[in-house]
Amino acid sequence: MTQDDKTRITVDIHNKAYTIVGTEPAHHVRLVASLVDQKIREIQEMNPNLDTTKLAVLTAVNTMNDYMKLKEDYAKLLGSIKKKEDN
């Protein structure tokens, strides 16, 4: 992968601009940034006194928790499909 294959896009998360460089399409990067911003704002509403670092860490923990649950659900679903195919 070369530097030419990468997309560079600037997004706003929690009122700060971040430049993201990667291979994902710009609309995907914007969507991900929007979801991160939304999650930070949700956490901040519940905990208005948290500083930016703590908000970021809690957002990461919440997001990873959601990811792990989805991963477990996906594995169960694949197991169910395999079981049905074997019958």
PDB file of N, CA and C in Angstrom:
ATOM      1  N   MET A   1       0.844  -1.176   0.000  1.00  0.00           N
ATOM      2  CA  MET A   1       0.000   0.000   0.000  1.00  0.00           C
ATOM      3  C   MET A   1       0.892   1.243   0.000  1.00  0.00           C
ATOM      4  N   THR A   2       0.602   2.128  -0.892  1.00  0.00           N
ATOM      5  CA  THR A   2       1.396   3.344  -0.992  1.00  0.00           C
ATOM      6  C   THR A   2       0.647   4.516  -0.384  1.00  0.00           C
ATOM      7  N   GLN A   3       1.364   5.592  -0.204  1.00  0.00           N
ATOM      8  CA  GLN A   3       0.753   6.808   0.334  1.00  0.00           C
ATOM      9  C   GLN A   3      -0.348   7.308  -0.598  1.00  0.00           C
ATOM     10  N   ASP A   4      -0.204   7.031  -1.906  1.00  0.00           N
ATOM     11  CA  ASP A   4      -1.212   7.459  -2.877  1.00  0.00           C
ATOM     12  C   ASP A   4      -2.539   6.738  -2.684  1.00  0.00           C
ATOM     13  N   ASP A   5      -2.520   5.550  -2.096  1.00  0.00           N
ATOM     14  CA  ASP A   5      -3.737   4.773  -1.877  1.00  0.00           C
ATOM     15  C   ASP A   5      -4.539   5.283  -0.680  1.00  0.00           C
ATOM     16  N   LYS A   6      -3.965   6.155   0.083  1.00  0.00           N
ATOM     17  CA  LYS A   6      -4.603   6.602   1.320  1.00  0.00           C
ATOM     18  C   LYS A   6      -5.411   7.877   1.110  1.00  0.00           C
ATOM     19  N   THR A   7      -6.489   7.973   1.884  1.00  0.00           N
ATOM     20  CA  THR A   7      -7.348   9.153   1.879  1.00  0.00           C
ATOM     21  C   THR A   7      -7.038   9.979   3.109  1.00  0.00           C
ATOM     22  N   ARG A   8      -7.043  11.289   2.961  1.00  0.00           N
ATOM     23  CA  ARG A   8      -6.795  12.204   4.087  1.00  0.00           C
ATOM     24  C   ARG A   8      -8.053  13.044   4.251  1.00  0.00           C
ATOM     25  N   ILE A   9      -8.641  12.991   5.443  1.00  0.00           N
ATOM     26  CA  ILE A   9      -9.871  13.732   5.693  1.00  0.00           C
ATOM     27  C   ILE A   9      -9.822  14.334   7.089  1.00  0.00           C
ATOM     28  N   THR A  10     -10.327  15.547   7.216  1.00  0.00           N
ATOM     29  CA  THR A  10     -10.389  16.224   8.511  1.00  0.00           C
ATOM     30  C   THR A  10     -11.815  16.131   9.036  1.00  0.00           C
ATOM     31  N   VAL A  11     -11.931  15.690  10.287  1.00  0.00           N
ATOM     32  CA  VAL A  11     -13.235  15.539  10.937  1.00  0.00           C
ATOM     33  C   VAL A  11     -13.225  16.281  12.264  1.00  0.00           C
ATOM     34  N   ASP A  12     -14.409  16.615  12.763  1.00  0.00           N
ATOM     35  CA  ASP A  12     -14.537  17.255  14.072  1.00  0.00           C
ATOM     36  C   ASP A  12     -15.083  16.243  15.071  1.00  0.00           C
ATOM     37  N   ILE A  13     -14.351  16.083  16.168  1.00  0.00           N
ATOM     38  CA  ILE A  13     -14.786  15.224  17.262  1.00  0.00           C
ATOM     39  C   ILE A  13     -14.629  16.030  18.546  1.00  0.00           C
ATOM     40  N   HIS A  14     -15.723  16.193  19.254  1.00  0.00           N
ATOM     41  CA  HIS A  14     -15.732  16.949  20.512  1.00  0.00           C
ATOM     42  C   HIS A  14     -15.134  18.340  20.323  1.00  0.00           C
ATOM     43  N   ASN A  15     -15.584  19.005  19.260  1.00  0.00           N
ATOM     44  CA  ASN A  15     -15.178  20.377  18.938  1.00  0.00           C
ATOM     45  C   ASN A  15     -13.693  20.550  18.640  1.00  0.00           C
ATOM     46  N   LYS A  16     -13.035  19.491  18.195  1.00  0.00           N
ATOM     47  CA  LYS A  16     -11.633  19.575  17.792  1.00  0.00           C
ATOM     48  C   LYS A  16     -11.489  18.914  16.427  1.00  0.00           C
ATOM     49  N   ALA A  17     -10.623  19.477  15.610  1.00  0.00           N
ATOM     50  CA  ALA A  17     -10.381  18.930  14.276  1.00  0.00           C
ATOM     51  C   ALA A  17      -9.287  17.863  14.345  1.00  0.00           C
ATOM     52  N   TYR A  18      -9.552  16.736  13.690  1.00  0.00           N
ATOM     53  CA  TYR A  18      -8.586  15.646  13.595  1.00  0.00           C
ATOM     54  C   TYR A  18      -8.450  15.267  12.127  1.00  0.00           C
ATOM     55  N   THR A  19      -7.212  15.100  11.674  1.00  0.00           N
ATOM     56  CA  THR A  19      -6.980  14.635  10.314  1.00  0.00           C
ATOM     57  C   THR A  19      -6.730  13.136  10.380  1.00  0.00           C
ATOM     58  N   ILE A  20      -7.565  12.413   9.657  1.00  0.00           N
ATOM     59  CA  ILE A  20      -7.488  10.951   9.624  1.00  0.00           C
ATOM     60  C   ILE A  20      -6.918  10.550   8.264  1.00  0.00           C
ATOM     61  N   VAL A  21      -5.900   9.701   8.287  1.00  0.00           N
ATOM     62  CA  VAL A  21      -5.304   9.194   7.060  1.00  0.00           C
ATOM     63  C   VAL A  21      -5.503   7.689   7.044  1.00  0.00           C
ATOM     64  N   GLY A  22      -6.076   7.177   5.957  1.00  0.00           N
ATOM     65  CA  GLY A  22      -6.306   5.744   5.879  1.00  0.00           C
ATOM     66  C   GLY A  22      -6.856   5.345   4.526  1.00  0.00           C
ATOM     67  N   THR A  23      -7.243   4.099   4.423  1.00  0.00           N
ATOM     68  CA  THR A  23      -7.710   3.554   3.148  1.00  0.00           C
ATOM     69  C   THR A  23      -9.228   3.493   3.035  1.00  0.00           C
ATOM     70  N   GLU A  24      -9.923   3.809   4.108  1.00  0.00           N
ATOM     71  CA  GLU A  24     -11.389   3.773   4.080  1.00  0.00           C
ATOM     72  C   GLU A  24     -11.925   4.965   3.285  1.00  0.00           C
ATOM     73  N   PRO A  25     -13.090   4.794   2.662  1.00  0.00           N
ATOM     74  CA  PRO A  25     -13.698   5.918   1.942  1.00  0.00           C
ATOM     75  C   PRO A  25     -14.031   7.066   2.899  1.00  0.00           C
ATOM     76  N   ALA A  26     -14.033   8.283   2.370  1.00  0.00           N
ATOM     77  CA  ALA A  26     -14.276   9.475   3.191  1.00  0.00           C
ATOM     78  C   ALA A  26     -15.609   9.396   3.925  1.00  0.00           C
ATOM     79  N   HIS A  27     -16.651   8.897   3.273  1.00  0.00           N
ATOM     80  CA  HIS A  27     -17.962   8.830   3.938  1.00  0.00           C
ATOM     81  C   HIS A  27     -17.927   7.881   5.138  1.00  0.00           C
ATOM     82  N   HIS A  28     -17.128   6.833   5.055  1.00  0.00           N
ATOM     83  CA  HIS A  28     -16.996   5.901   6.182  1.00  0.00           C
ATOM     84  C   HIS A  28     -16.279   6.584   7.353  1.00  0.00           C
ATOM     85  N   VAL A  29     -15.214   7.298   7.052  1.00  0.00           N
ATOM     86  CA  VAL A  29     -14.452   8.000   8.096  1.00  0.00           C
ATOM     87  C   VAL A  29     -15.336   9.039   8.777  1.00  0.00           C
ATOM     88  N   ARG A  30     -16.127   9.764   7.981  1.00  0.00           N
ATOM     89  CA  ARG A  30     -17.039  10.765   8.554  1.00  0.00           C
ATOM     90  C   ARG A  30     -18.080  10.106   9.459  1.00  0.00           C
ATOM     91  N   LEU A  31     -18.605   8.964   9.028  1.00  0.00           N
ATOM     92  CA  LEU A  31     -19.594   8.251   9.834  1.00  0.00           C
ATOM     93  C   LEU A  31     -18.982   7.801  11.162  1.00  0.00           C
ATOM     94  N   VAL A  32     -17.811   7.201  11.107  1.00  0.00           N
ATOM     95  CA  VAL A  32     -17.143   6.742  12.330  1.00  0.00           C
ATOM     96  C   VAL A  32     -16.880   7.916  13.261  1.00  0.00           C
ATOM     97  N   ALA A  33     -16.374   9.013  12.724  1.00  0.00           N
ATOM     98  CA  ALA A  33     -16.095  10.204  13.542  1.00  0.00           C
ATOM     99  C   ALA A  33     -17.376  10.736  14.172  1.00  0.00           C
ATOM    100  N   SER A  34     -18.453  10.723  13.408  1.00  0.00           N
ATOM    101  CA  SER A  34     -19.739  11.190  13.921  1.00  0.00           C
ATOM    102  C   SER A  34     -20.227  10.318  15.069  1.00  0.00           C
ATOM    103  N   LEU A  35     -20.060   9.016  14.937  1.00  0.00           N
ATOM    104  CA  LEU A  35     -20.477   8.094  16.002  1.00  0.00           C
ATOM    105  C   LEU A  35     -19.629   8.271  17.260  1.00  0.00           C
ATOM    106  N   VAL A  36     -18.332   8.483  17.087  1.00  0.00           N
ATOM    107  CA  VAL A  36     -17.453   8.736  18.233  1.00  0.00           C
ATOM    108  C   VAL A  36     -17.872  10.035  18.916  1.00  0.00           C
ATOM    109  N   ASP A  37     -18.101  11.071  18.134  1.00  0.00           N
ATOM    110  CA  ASP A  37     -18.536  12.356  18.696  1.00  0.00           C
ATOM    111  C   ASP A  37     -19.847  12.190  19.453  1.00  0.00           C
ATOM    112  N   GLN A  38     -20.768  11.460  18.879  1.00  0.00           N
ATOM    113  CA  GLN A  38     -22.069  11.226  19.529  1.00  0.00           C
ATOM    114  C   GLN A  38     -21.894  10.496  20.857  1.00  0.00           C
ATOM    115  N   LYS A  39     -21.049   9.475  20.883  1.00  0.00           N
ATOM    116  CA  LYS A  39     -20.828   8.707  22.114  1.00  0.00           C
ATOM    117  C   LYS A  39     -20.168   9.582  23.182  1.00  0.00           C
ATOM    118  N   ILE A  40     -19.211  10.399  22.785  1.00  0.00           N
ATOM    119  CA  ILE A  40     -18.568  11.311  23.742  1.00  0.00           C
ATOM    120  C   ILE A  40     -19.610  12.260  24.340  1.00  0.00           C
ATOM    121  N   ARG A  41     -20.478  12.799  23.505  1.00  0.00           N
ATOM    122  CA  ARG A  41     -21.504  13.730  23.988  1.00  0.00           C
ATOM    123  C   ARG A  41     -22.489  13.038  24.940  1.00  0.00           C
ATOM    124  N   GLU A  42     -22.845  11.781  24.639  1.00  0.00           N
ATOM    125  CA  GLU A  42     -23.731  11.025  25.535  1.00  0.00           C
ATOM    126  C   GLU A  42     -23.084  10.852  26.908  1.00  0.00           C
ATOM    127  N   ILE A  43     -21.824  10.471  26.913  1.00  0.00           N
ATOM    128  CA  ILE A  43     -21.115  10.260  28.173  1.00  0.00           C
ATOM    129  C   ILE A  43     -20.958  11.583  28.915  1.00  0.00           C
ATOM    130  N   GLN A  44     -20.678  12.646  28.173  1.00  0.00           N
ATOM    131  CA  GLN A  44     -20.517  13.958  28.806  1.00  0.00           C
ATOM    132  C   GLN A  44     -21.829  14.447  29.429  1.00  0.00           C
ATOM    133  N   GLU A  45     -22.956  14.146  28.791  1.00  0.00           N
ATOM    134  CA  GLU A  45     -24.253  14.533  29.358  1.00  0.00           C
ATOM    135  C   GLU A  45     -24.479  13.875  30.717  1.00  0.00           C
ATOM    136  N   MET A  46     -24.047  12.620  30.847  1.00  0.00           N
ATOM    137  CA  MET A  46     -24.222  11.894  32.106  1.00  0.00           C
ATOM    138  C   MET A  46     -23.172  12.278  33.146  1.00  0.00           C
ATOM    139  N   ASN A  47     -22.019  12.763  32.671  1.00  0.00           N
ATOM    140  CA  ASN A  47     -20.894  13.108  33.552  1.00  0.00           C
ATOM    141  C   ASN A  47     -20.293  14.438  33.115  1.00  0.00           C
ATOM    142  N   PRO A  48     -20.982  15.545  33.351  1.00  0.00           N
ATOM    143  CA  PRO A  48     -20.543  16.836  32.814  1.00  0.00           C
ATOM    144  C   PRO A  48     -19.211  17.358  33.347  1.00  0.00           C
ATOM    145  N   ASN A  49     -18.715  16.822  34.432  1.00  0.00           N
ATOM    146  CA  ASN A  49     -17.467  17.325  35.012  1.00  0.00           C
ATOM    147  C   ASN A  49     -16.226  16.584  34.539  1.00  0.00           C
ATOM    148  N   LEU A  50     -16.385  15.607  33.653  1.00  0.00           N
ATOM    149  CA  LEU A  50     -15.221  14.854  33.184  1.00  0.00           C
ATOM    150  C   LEU A  50     -14.392  15.676  32.210  1.00  0.00           C
ATOM    151  N   ASP A  51     -13.067  15.546  32.325  1.00  0.00           N
ATOM    152  CA  ASP A  51     -12.194  16.225  31.366  1.00  0.00           C
ATOM    153  C   ASP A  51     -12.125  15.404  30.066  1.00  0.00           C
ATOM    154  N   THR A  52     -11.509  15.987  29.073  1.00  0.00           N
ATOM    155  CA  THR A  52     -11.468  15.369  27.745  1.00  0.00           C
ATOM    156  C   THR A  52     -10.795  13.996  27.761  1.00  0.00           C
ATOM    157  N   THR A  53      -9.727  13.848  28.521  1.00  0.00           N
ATOM    158  CA  THR A  53      -9.024  12.561  28.576  1.00  0.00           C
ATOM    159  C   THR A  53      -9.928  11.481  29.149  1.00  0.00           C
ATOM    160  N   LYS A  54     -10.606  11.787  30.236  1.00  0.00           N
ATOM    161  CA  LYS A  54     -11.500  10.799  30.845  1.00  0.00           C
ATOM    162  C   LYS A  54     -12.673  10.490  29.923  1.00  0.00           C
ATOM    163  N   LEU A  55     -13.193  11.497  29.242  1.00  0.00           N
ATOM    164  CA  LEU A  55     -14.260  11.262  28.275  1.00  0.00           C
ATOM    165  C   LEU A  55     -13.785  10.320  27.167  1.00  0.00           C
ATOM    166  N   ALA A  56     -12.579  10.555  26.688  1.00  0.00           N
ATOM    167  CA  ALA A  56     -12.029   9.713  25.622  1.00  0.00           C
ATOM    168  C   ALA A  56     -11.849   8.274  26.087  1.00  0.00           C
ATOM    169  N   VAL A  57     -11.331   8.098  27.307  1.00  0.00           N
ATOM    170  CA  VAL A  57     -11.120   6.740  27.824  1.00  0.00           C
ATOM    171  C   VAL A  57     -12.458   6.039  28.035  1.00  0.00           C
ATOM    172  N   LEU A  58     -13.427   6.722  28.625  1.00  0.00           N
ATOM    173  CA  LEU A  58     -14.738   6.101  28.822  1.00  0.00           C
ATOM    174  C   LEU A  58     -15.418   5.779  27.490  1.00  0.00           C
ATOM    175  N   THR A  59     -15.228   6.630  26.505  1.00  0.00           N
ATOM    176  CA  THR A  59     -15.765   6.349  25.177  1.00  0.00           C
ATOM    177  C   THR A  59     -15.109   5.109  24.592  1.00  0.00           C
ATOM    178  N   ALA A  60     -13.800   4.996  24.726  1.00  0.00           N
ATOM    179  CA  ALA A  60     -13.087   3.818  24.230  1.00  0.00           C
ATOM    180  C   ALA A  60     -13.553   2.550  24.946  1.00  0.00           C
ATOM    181  N   VAL A  61     -13.708   2.611  26.264  1.00  0.00           N
ATOM    182  CA  VAL A  61     -14.155   1.445  27.037  1.00  0.00           C
ATOM    183  C   VAL A  61     -15.572   1.041  26.620  1.00  0.00           C
ATOM    184  N   ASN A  62     -16.467   2.010  26.505  1.00  0.00           N
ATOM    185  CA  ASN A  62     -17.836   1.714  26.084  1.00  0.00           C
ATOM    186  C   ASN A  62     -17.870   1.118  24.685  1.00  0.00           C
ATOM    187  N   THR A  63     -17.091   1.677  23.790  1.00  0.00           N
ATOM    188  CA  THR A  63     -17.056   1.200  22.412  1.00  0.00           C
ATOM    189  C   THR A  63     -16.489  -0.218  22.337  1.00  0.00           C
ATOM    190  N   MET A  64     -15.446  -0.488  23.091  1.00  0.00           N
ATOM    191  CA  MET A  64     -14.864  -1.830  23.092  1.00  0.00           C
ATOM    192  C   MET A  64     -15.829  -2.835  23.707  1.00  0.00           C
ATOM    193  N   ASN A  65     -16.556  -2.433  24.729  1.00  0.00           N
ATOM    194  CA  ASN A  65     -17.564  -3.294  25.330  1.00  0.00           C
ATOM    195  C   ASN A  65     -18.629  -3.659  24.290  1.00  0.00           C
ATOM    196  N   ASP A  66     -19.113  -2.656  23.563  1.00  0.00           N
ATOM    197  CA  ASP A  66     -20.101  -2.905  22.512  1.00  0.00           C
ATOM    198  C   ASP A  66     -19.531  -3.839  21.446  1.00  0.00           C
ATOM    199  N   TYR A  67     -18.282  -3.622  21.068  1.00  0.00           N
ATOM    200  CA  TYR A  67     -17.620  -4.450  20.068  1.00  0.00           C
ATOM    201  C   TYR A  67     -17.521  -5.906  20.530  1.00  0.00           C
ATOM    202  N   MET A  68     -17.117  -6.108  21.782  1.00  0.00           N
ATOM    203  CA  MET A  68     -16.980  -7.466  22.317  1.00  0.00           C
ATOM    204  C   MET A  68     -18.331  -8.184  22.341  1.00  0.00           C
ATOM    205  N   LYS A  69     -19.391  -7.484  22.725  1.00  0.00           N
ATOM    206  CA  LYS A  69     -20.729  -8.080  22.731  1.00  0.00           C
ATOM    207  C   LYS A  69     -21.153  -8.470  21.318  1.00  0.00           C
ATOM    208  N   LEU A  70     -20.921  -7.592  20.362  1.00  0.00           N
ATOM    209  CA  LEU A  70     -21.259  -7.903  18.972  1.00  0.00           C
ATOM    210  C   LEU A  70     -20.447  -9.083  18.448  1.00  0.00           C
ATOM    211  N   LYS A  71     -19.190  -9.133  18.820  1.00  0.00           N
ATOM    212  CA  LYS A  71     -18.316 -10.238  18.397  1.00  0.00           C
ATOM    213  C   LYS A  71     -18.823 -11.568  18.954  1.00  0.00           C
ATOM    214  N   GLU A  72     -19.231 -11.565  20.222  1.00  0.00           N
ATOM    215  CA  GLU A  72     -19.795 -12.776  20.830  1.00  0.00           C
ATOM    216  C   GLU A  72     -21.100 -13.176  20.137  1.00  0.00           C
ATOM    217  N   ASP A  73     -21.969 -12.201  19.879  1.00  0.00           N
ATOM    218  CA  ASP A  73     -23.226 -12.483  19.187  1.00  0.00           C
ATOM    219  C   ASP A  73     -22.967 -13.045  17.790  1.00  0.00           C
ATOM    220  N   TYR A  74     -21.986 -12.496  17.105  1.00  0.00           N
ATOM    221  CA  TYR A  74     -21.626 -12.961  15.763  1.00  0.00           C
ATOM    222  C   TYR A  74     -21.131 -14.409  15.809  1.00  0.00           C
ATOM    223  N   ALA A  75     -20.285 -14.721  16.791  1.00  0.00           N
ATOM    224  CA  ALA A  75     -19.776 -16.086  16.930  1.00  0.00           C
ATOM    225  C   ALA A  75     -20.922 -17.064  17.206  1.00  0.00           C
ATOM    226  N   LYS A  76     -21.865 -16.674  18.062  1.00  0.00           N
ATOM    227  CA  LYS A  76     -23.027 -17.524  18.341  1.00  0.00           C
ATOM    228  C   LYS A  76     -23.861 -17.728  17.090  1.00  0.00           C
ATOM    229  N   LEU A  77     -24.056 -16.665  16.336  1.00  0.00           N
ATOM    230  CA  LEU A  77     -24.834 -16.747  15.102  1.00  0.00           C
ATOM    231  C   LEU A  77     -24.159 -17.681  14.097  1.00  0.00           C
ATOM    232  N   LEU A  78     -22.860 -17.549  13.950  1.00  0.00           N
ATOM    233  CA  LEU A  78     -22.133 -18.444  13.050  1.00  0.00           C
ATOM    234  C   LEU A  78     -22.251 -19.892  13.514  1.00  0.00           C
ATOM    235  N   GLY A  79     -22.181 -20.107  14.828  1.00  0.00           N
ATOM    236  CA  GLY A  79     -22.332 -21.457  15.376  1.00  0.00           C
ATOM    237  C   GLY A  79     -23.708 -22.017  15.074  1.00  0.00           C
ATOM    238  N   SER A  80     -24.731 -21.200  15.218  1.00  0.00           N
ATOM    239  CA  SER A  80     -26.096 -21.635  14.921  1.00  0.00           C
ATOM    240  C   SER A  80     -26.251 -21.990  13.446  1.00  0.00           C
ATOM    241  N   ILE A  81     -25.684 -21.160  12.588  1.00  0.00           N
ATOM    242  CA  ILE A  81     -25.769 -21.424  11.152  1.00  0.00           C
ATOM    243  C   ILE A  81     -25.046 -22.721  10.814  1.00  0.00           C
ATOM    244  N   LYS A  82     -23.871 -22.912  11.366  1.00  0.00           N
ATOM    245  CA  LYS A  82     -23.094 -24.136  11.101  1.00  0.00           C
ATOM    246  C   LYS A  82     -23.847 -25.358  11.594  1.00  0.00           C
ATOM    247  N   LYS A  83     -24.449 -25.252  12.773  1.00  0.00           N
ATOM    248  CA  LYS A  83     -25.212 -26.366  13.344  1.00  0.00           C
ATOM    249  C   LYS A  83     -26.388 -26.734  12.425  1.00  0.00           C
ATOM    250  N   LYS A  84     -27.083 -25.721  11.903  1.00  0.00           N
ATOM    251  CA  LYS A  84     -28.215 -25.977  11.005  1.00  0.00           C
ATOM    252  C   LYS A  84     -27.754 -26.587   9.683  1.00  0.00           C
ATOM    253  N   GLU A  85     -26.596 -26.142   9.208  1.00  0.00           N
ATOM    254  CA  GLU A  85     -26.064 -26.681   7.950  1.00  0.00           C
ATOM    255  C   GLU A  85     -25.633 -28.132   8.126  1.00  0.00           C
ATOM    256  N   ASP A  86     -25.159 -28.494   9.315  1.00  0.00           N
ATOM    257  CA  ASP A  86     -24.695 -29.851   9.582  1.00  0.00           C
ATOM    258  C   ASP A  86     -25.858 -30.836   9.749  1.00  0.00           C
ATOM    259  N   ASN A  87     -27.054 -30.328  10.048  1.00  0.00           N
ATOM    260  CA  ASN A  87     -28.213 -31.209  10.259  1.00  0.00           C
ATOM    261  C   ASN A  87     -28.874 -31.586   8.976  1.00  0.00           C
TER     262      ASN A  87
END
